[in-house]
C-alpha atoms as a PDB file:
ATOM      1  CA  MET A   1      -5.537  18.167 -33.152  1.00  0.00           C
ATOM      2  CA  ASP A   2      -6.451  20.191 -30.109  1.00  0.00           C
ATOM      3  CA  HIS A   3      -3.435  22.161 -28.818  1.00  0.00           C
ATOM      4  CA  SER A   4      -5.375  24.085 -26.209  1.00  0.00           C
ATOM      5  CA  SER A   5      -4.354  24.130 -22.561  1.00  0.00           C
ATOM      6  CA  PRO A   6      -5.936  21.645 -20.159  1.00  0.00           C
ATOM      7  CA  PRO A   7      -8.849  23.011 -18.158  1.00  0.00           C
ATOM      8  CA  ASP A   8      -8.046  24.841 -14.915  1.00  0.00           C
ATOM      9  CA  ARG A   9      -8.810  22.509 -12.022  1.00  0.00           C
ATOM     10  CA  GLY A  10      -8.854  25.184  -9.322  1.00  0.00           C
ATOM     11  CA  GLY A  11      -5.386  24.605  -7.869  1.00  0.00           C
ATOM     12  CA  GLU A  12      -5.574  20.816  -8.087  1.00  0.00           C
ATOM     13  CA  SER A  13      -2.209  19.314  -8.997  1.00  0.00           C
ATOM     14  CA  ARG A  14      -1.698  16.214 -11.101  1.00  0.00           C
ATOM     15  CA  PRO A  15       0.348  13.246  -9.825  1.00  0.00           C
ATOM     16  CA  GLY A  16       4.043  14.054 -10.197  1.00  0.00           C
ATOM     17  CA  ASP A  17       3.452  17.794 -10.506  1.00  0.00           C
ATOM     18  CA  PRO A  18       4.299  20.023  -7.538  1.00  0.00           C
ATOM     19  CA  GLY A  19       1.487  22.087  -6.110  1.00  0.00           C
ATOM     20  CA  HIS A  20       1.431  25.856  -6.449  1.00  0.00           C
ATOM     21  CA  ASN A  21       3.241  26.444  -3.138  1.00  0.00           C
ATOM     22  CA  THR A  22       5.452  23.345  -3.123  1.00  0.00           C
ATOM     23  CA  PRO A  23       9.196  24.148  -3.162  1.00  0.00           C
ATOM     24  CA  VAL A  24      11.167  22.453  -5.951  1.00  0.00           C
ATOM     25  CA  ALA A  25      14.807  21.351  -5.640  1.00  0.00           C
ATOM     26  CA  ASP A  26      16.849  20.054  -8.566  1.00  0.00           C
ATOM     27  CA  SER A  27      18.529  16.705  -7.815  1.00  0.00           C
ATOM     28  CA  THR A  28      21.811  17.790  -9.407  1.00  0.00           C
ATOM     29  CA  THR A  29      21.926  20.756  -7.035  1.00  0.00           C
ATOM     30  CA  LEU A  30      21.156  18.576  -4.001  1.00  0.00           C
ATOM     31  CA  LEU A  31      23.704  15.909  -4.920  1.00  0.00           C
ATOM     32  CA  SER A  32      26.441  18.400  -5.972  1.00  0.00           C
ATOM     33  CA  GLY A  33      28.085  15.910  -8.347  1.00  0.00           C
ATOM     34  CA  HIS A  34      27.937  12.980  -5.902  1.00  0.00           C
ATOM     35  CA  ARG A  35      26.021   9.718  -6.363  1.00  0.00           C
ATOM     36  CA  GLU A  36      24.473   9.760  -2.883  1.00  0.00           C
ATOM     37  CA  LEU A  37      23.294  12.143  -0.192  1.00  0.00           C
ATOM     38  CA  ILE A  38      22.538  11.593   3.483  1.00  0.00           C
ATOM     39  CA  ILE A  39      19.369  13.363   4.694  1.00  0.00           C
ATOM     40  CA  ARG A  40      18.663  13.865   8.390  1.00  0.00           C
ATOM     41  CA  HIS A  41      14.996  14.191   9.292  1.00  0.00           C
ATOM     42  CA  GLY A  42      14.556  14.593  13.038  1.00  0.00           C
ATOM     43  CA  ALA A  43      16.172  11.556  14.652  1.00  0.00           C
ATOM     44  CA  ASP A  44      16.069   9.539  11.398  1.00  0.00           C
ATOM     45  CA  THR A  45      18.689   9.289   8.659  1.00  0.00           C
ATOM     46  CA  TYR A  46      17.875   8.608   4.995  1.00  0.00           C
ATOM     47  CA  ARG A  47      20.110   7.914   2.009  1.00  0.00           C
ATOM     48  CA  LEU A  48      19.273   9.302  -1.446  1.00  0.00           C
ATOM     49  CA  GLN A  49      21.150   7.396  -4.145  1.00  0.00           C
ATOM     50  CA  VAL A  50      21.424   7.656  -7.930  1.00  0.00           C
ATOM     51  CA  THR A  51      21.252   4.213  -9.559  1.00  0.00           C
ATOM     52  CA  ALA A  52      23.238   2.981 -12.552  1.00  0.00           C
ATOM     53  CA  SER A  53      20.125   3.669 -14.680  1.00  0.00           C
ATOM     54  CA  ASN A  54      20.030   7.272 -13.342  1.00  0.00           C
ATOM     55  CA  LYS A  55      16.972   6.781 -11.116  1.00  0.00           C
ATOM     56  CA  LEU A  56      16.678   7.916  -7.513  1.00  0.00           C
ATOM     57  CA  ILE A  57      16.259   5.629  -4.516  1.00  0.00           C
ATOM     58  CA  LEU A  58      15.482   6.928  -1.020  1.00  0.00           C
ATOM     59  CA  THR A  59      16.122   4.444   1.804  1.00  0.00           C
ATOM     60  CA  LYS A  60      15.945   4.697   5.563  1.00  0.00           C
END
């Protein structure tokens, strides 16, 4: 088995991985123990919800 690290791709990020300068926020911190969060983005409002199967849904 090869346990070596994957090759360096020159700053390229893989799908699902944040880039080198991308801020990361933990969902438990954002939700603060609640099951939903309202996010205002300019004039728009979004709802971030935790489902019964513990997945996240973002709706406008």
